[in-house]
C-alpha atoms as a PDB file:
ATOM      1  CA  MET A   1       0.000   0.000   0.000  1.00  0.00           C
ATOM      2  CA  GLN A   2       1.247   3.443  -0.853  1.00  0.00           C
ATOM      3  CA  GLN A   3       1.884   5.904   1.941  1.00  0.00           C
ATOM      4  CA  ASN A   4      -0.888   8.360   0.996  1.00  0.00           C
ATOM      5  CA  GLU A   5      -3.475   5.678   0.246  1.00  0.00           C
ATOM      6  CA  THR A   6      -6.412   5.628   2.642  1.00  0.00           C
ATOM      7  CA  ILE A   7      -7.808   2.437   4.069  1.00  0.00           C
ATOM      8  CA  ARG A   8     -11.487   2.033   3.287  1.00  0.00           C
ATOM      9  CA  THR A   9     -13.733   0.565   5.954  1.00  0.00           C
ATOM     10  CA  THR A  10     -17.227  -0.842   6.203  1.00  0.00           C
ATOM     11  CA  LYS A  11     -19.251  -0.330   9.345  1.00  0.00           C
ATOM     12  CA  ARG A  12     -20.935  -3.544  10.434  1.00  0.00           C
ATOM     13  CA  ASN A  13     -23.291  -3.977  13.327  1.00  0.00           C
ATOM     14  CA  SER A  14     -22.246  -6.319  16.123  1.00  0.00           C
ATOM     15  CA  GLU A  15     -24.686  -9.025  14.991  1.00  0.00           C
ATOM     16  CA  ASP A  16     -23.250  -9.112  11.462  1.00  0.00           C
ATOM     17  CA  LYS A  17     -19.678  -9.116  12.775  1.00  0.00           C
ATOM     18  CA  LYS A  18     -20.497 -11.965  15.131  1.00  0.00           C
ATOM     19  CA  ALA A  19     -22.053 -14.043  12.324  1.00  0.00           C
ATOM     20  CA  LEU A  20     -19.126 -13.429   9.957  1.00  0.00           C
ATOM     21  CA  ILE A  21     -16.549 -14.212  12.631  1.00  0.00           C
ATOM     22  CA  HIS A  22     -18.480 -17.369  13.558  1.00  0.00           C
ATOM     23  CA  ARG A  23     -18.281 -18.544   9.935  1.00  0.00           C
ATOM     24  CA  LEU A  24     -14.564 -17.745   9.802  1.00  0.00           C
ATOM     25  CA  ASN A  25     -13.964 -19.655  13.023  1.00  0.00           C
ATOM     26  CA  ARG A  26     -15.756 -22.660  11.548  1.00  0.00           C
ATOM     27  CA  ILE A  27     -13.567 -22.455   8.450  1.00  0.00           C
ATOM     28  CA  ASN A  28     -10.470 -22.229  10.658  1.00  0.00           C
ATOM     29  CA  GLY A  29     -11.674 -25.332  12.500  1.00  0.00           C
ATOM     30  CA  GLN A  30     -12.086 -27.157   9.204  1.00  0.00           C
ATOM     31  CA  ILE A  31      -8.542 -26.191   8.197  1.00  0.00           C
ATOM     32  CA  ARG A  32      -7.162 -27.393  11.538  1.00  0.00           C
ATOM     33  CA  GLY A  33      -9.025 -30.665  11.015  1.00  0.00           C
ATOM     34  CA  ILE A  34      -7.428 -31.091   7.595  1.00  0.00           C
ATOM     35  CA  THR A  35      -4.002 -30.382   9.074  1.00  0.00           C
ATOM     36  CA  LYS A  36      -4.598 -33.109  11.641  1.00  0.00           C
ATOM     37  CA  MET A  37      -5.753 -35.501   8.912  1.00  0.00           C
ATOM     38  CA  ILE A  38      -2.507 -34.949   7.017  1.00  0.00           C
ATOM     39  CA  GLU A  39      -0.449 -35.401  10.190  1.00  0.00           C
ATOM     40  CA  GLU A  40      -2.296 -38.690  10.778  1.00  0.00           C
ATOM     41  CA  ASP A  41      -1.695 -39.877   7.181  1.00  0.00           C
ATOM     42  CA  ARG A  42      -5.417 -40.066   6.458  1.00  0.00           C
ATOM     43  CA  TYR A  43      -6.608 -41.321   3.092  1.00  0.00           C
ATOM     44  CA  CYS A  44      -6.314 -38.774   0.239  1.00  0.00           C
ATOM     45  CA  GLU A  45      -9.973 -38.974  -0.744  1.00  0.00           C
ATOM     46  CA  ASP A  46     -11.058 -38.126   2.809  1.00  0.00           C
ATOM     47  CA  ILE A  47      -8.783 -35.078   2.825  1.00  0.00           C
ATOM     48  CA  LEU A  48      -9.994 -33.974  -0.596  1.00  0.00           C
ATOM     49  CA  ILE A  49     -13.598 -34.194   0.561  1.00  0.00           C
ATOM     50  CA  GLN A  50     -12.780 -31.954   3.518  1.00  0.00           C
ATOM     51  CA  LEU A  51     -10.927 -29.519   1.255  1.00  0.00           C
ATOM     52  CA  SER A  52     -14.011 -29.338  -0.945  1.00  0.00           C
ATOM     53  CA  ALA A  53     -16.110 -28.559   2.143  1.00  0.00           C
ATOM     54  CA  VAL A  54     -13.733 -25.724   3.052  1.00  0.00           C
ATOM     55  CA  GLU A  55     -13.898 -24.374  -0.485  1.00  0.00           C
ATOM     56  CA  GLN A  56     -17.710 -24.332  -0.325  1.00  0.00           C
ATOM     57  CA  SER A  57     -17.615 -22.631   3.080  1.00  0.00           C
ATOM     58  CA  VAL A  58     -15.322 -19.895   1.758  1.00  0.00           C
ATOM     59  CA  LYS A  59     -17.502 -19.412  -1.336  1.00  0.00           C
ATOM     60  CA  SER A  60     -20.585 -19.145   0.852  1.00  0.00           C
ATOM     61  CA  LEU A  61     -18.929 -16.505   3.032  1.00  0.00           C
ATOM     62  CA  ALA A  62     -17.768 -14.595  -0.042  1.00  0.00           C
ATOM     63  CA  SER A  63     -21.325 -14.655  -1.436  1.00  0.00           C
ATOM     64  CA  ILE A  64     -22.710 -13.254   1.798  1.00  0.00           C
ATOM     65  CA  LEU A  65     -20.126 -10.461   1.831  1.00  0.00           C
ATOM     66  CA  LEU A  66     -20.694  -9.679  -1.847  1.00  0.00           C
ATOM     67  CA  GLU A  67     -24.457  -9.479  -1.371  1.00  0.00           C
ATOM     68  CA  ARG A  68     -24.105  -7.160   1.622  1.00  0.00           C
ATOM     69  CA  HIS A  69     -21.565  -5.055  -0.251  1.00  0.00           C
ATOM     70  CA  LEU A  70     -23.951  -4.623  -3.173  1.00  0.00           C
ATOM     71  CA  LYS A  71     -27.001  -3.905  -1.019  1.00  0.00           C
ATOM     72  CA  ASN A  72     -25.238  -1.487   1.302  1.00  0.00           C
ATOM     73  CA  CYS A  73     -21.920  -0.028   0.185  1.00  0.00           C
ATOM     74  CA  VAL A  74     -22.520   0.076  -3.564  1.00  0.00           C
ATOM     75  CA  LYS A  75     -26.139   1.160  -3.234  1.00  0.00           C
ATOM     76  CA  ASN A  76     -25.175   4.022  -0.909  1.00  0.00           C
ATOM     77  CA  ASP A  77     -22.311   5.103  -3.170  1.00  0.00           C
ATOM     78  CA  ILE A  78     -24.591   5.174  -6.211  1.00  0.00           C
ATOM     79  CA  LEU A  79     -27.180   7.215  -4.316  1.00  0.00           C
ATOM     80  CA  GLU A  80     -24.376   9.640  -3.419  1.00  0.00           C
ATOM     81  CA  GLY A  81     -23.267   9.840  -7.075  1.00  0.00           C
ATOM     82  CA  LYS A  82     -20.040   7.876  -6.606  1.00  0.00           C
ATOM     83  CA  ASP A  83     -19.686   5.857  -9.792  1.00  0.00           C
ATOM     84  CA  GLU A  84     -16.361   4.231  -8.839  1.00  0.00           C
ATOM     85  CA  SER A  85     -18.305   1.585  -6.920  1.00  0.00           C
ATOM     86  CA  LEU A  86     -19.658   0.269 -10.209  1.00  0.00           C
ATOM     87  CA  ASN A  87     -16.112  -0.231 -11.450  1.00  0.00           C
ATOM     88  CA  GLU A  88     -15.323  -2.103  -8.225  1.00  0.00           C
ATOM     89  CA  VAL A  89     -18.297  -4.401  -8.761  1.00  0.00           C
ATOM     90  CA  VAL A  90     -17.220  -5.176 -12.317  1.00  0.00           C
ATOM     91  CA  HIS A  91     -13.733  -5.965 -11.017  1.00  0.00           C
ATOM     92  CA  LEU A  92     -15.149  -8.182  -8.251  1.00  0.00           C
ATOM     93  CA  PHE A  93     -17.269 -10.175 -10.698  1.00  0.00           C
ATOM     94  CA  LYS A  94     -14.240 -10.743 -12.904  1.00  0.00           C
ATOM     95  CA  ARG A  95     -12.409 -12.207  -9.887  1.00  0.00           C
ATOM     96  CA  PHE A  96     -15.251 -14.565  -9.011  1.00  0.00           C
END
């Protein structure tokens, strides 16, 4: 990050933060479980199934964040005449 660049933030209520952190903690638990499976020389297919579950969990979290971003941040920016949010959305969709 460049020195003069500002860090953008999103205000979230405590309920939303709690739900997002809960999902992240579950994902962390899944990752720790996979680490343990590898340490225990578990069968590859079992590990791959767990990795797929983690991937789905991350995608689900990303979808929730994207939806909230569109409904709140982008919507508010558009109402305020800030068109750069549309460019961000296009960029986000290209990444997904």
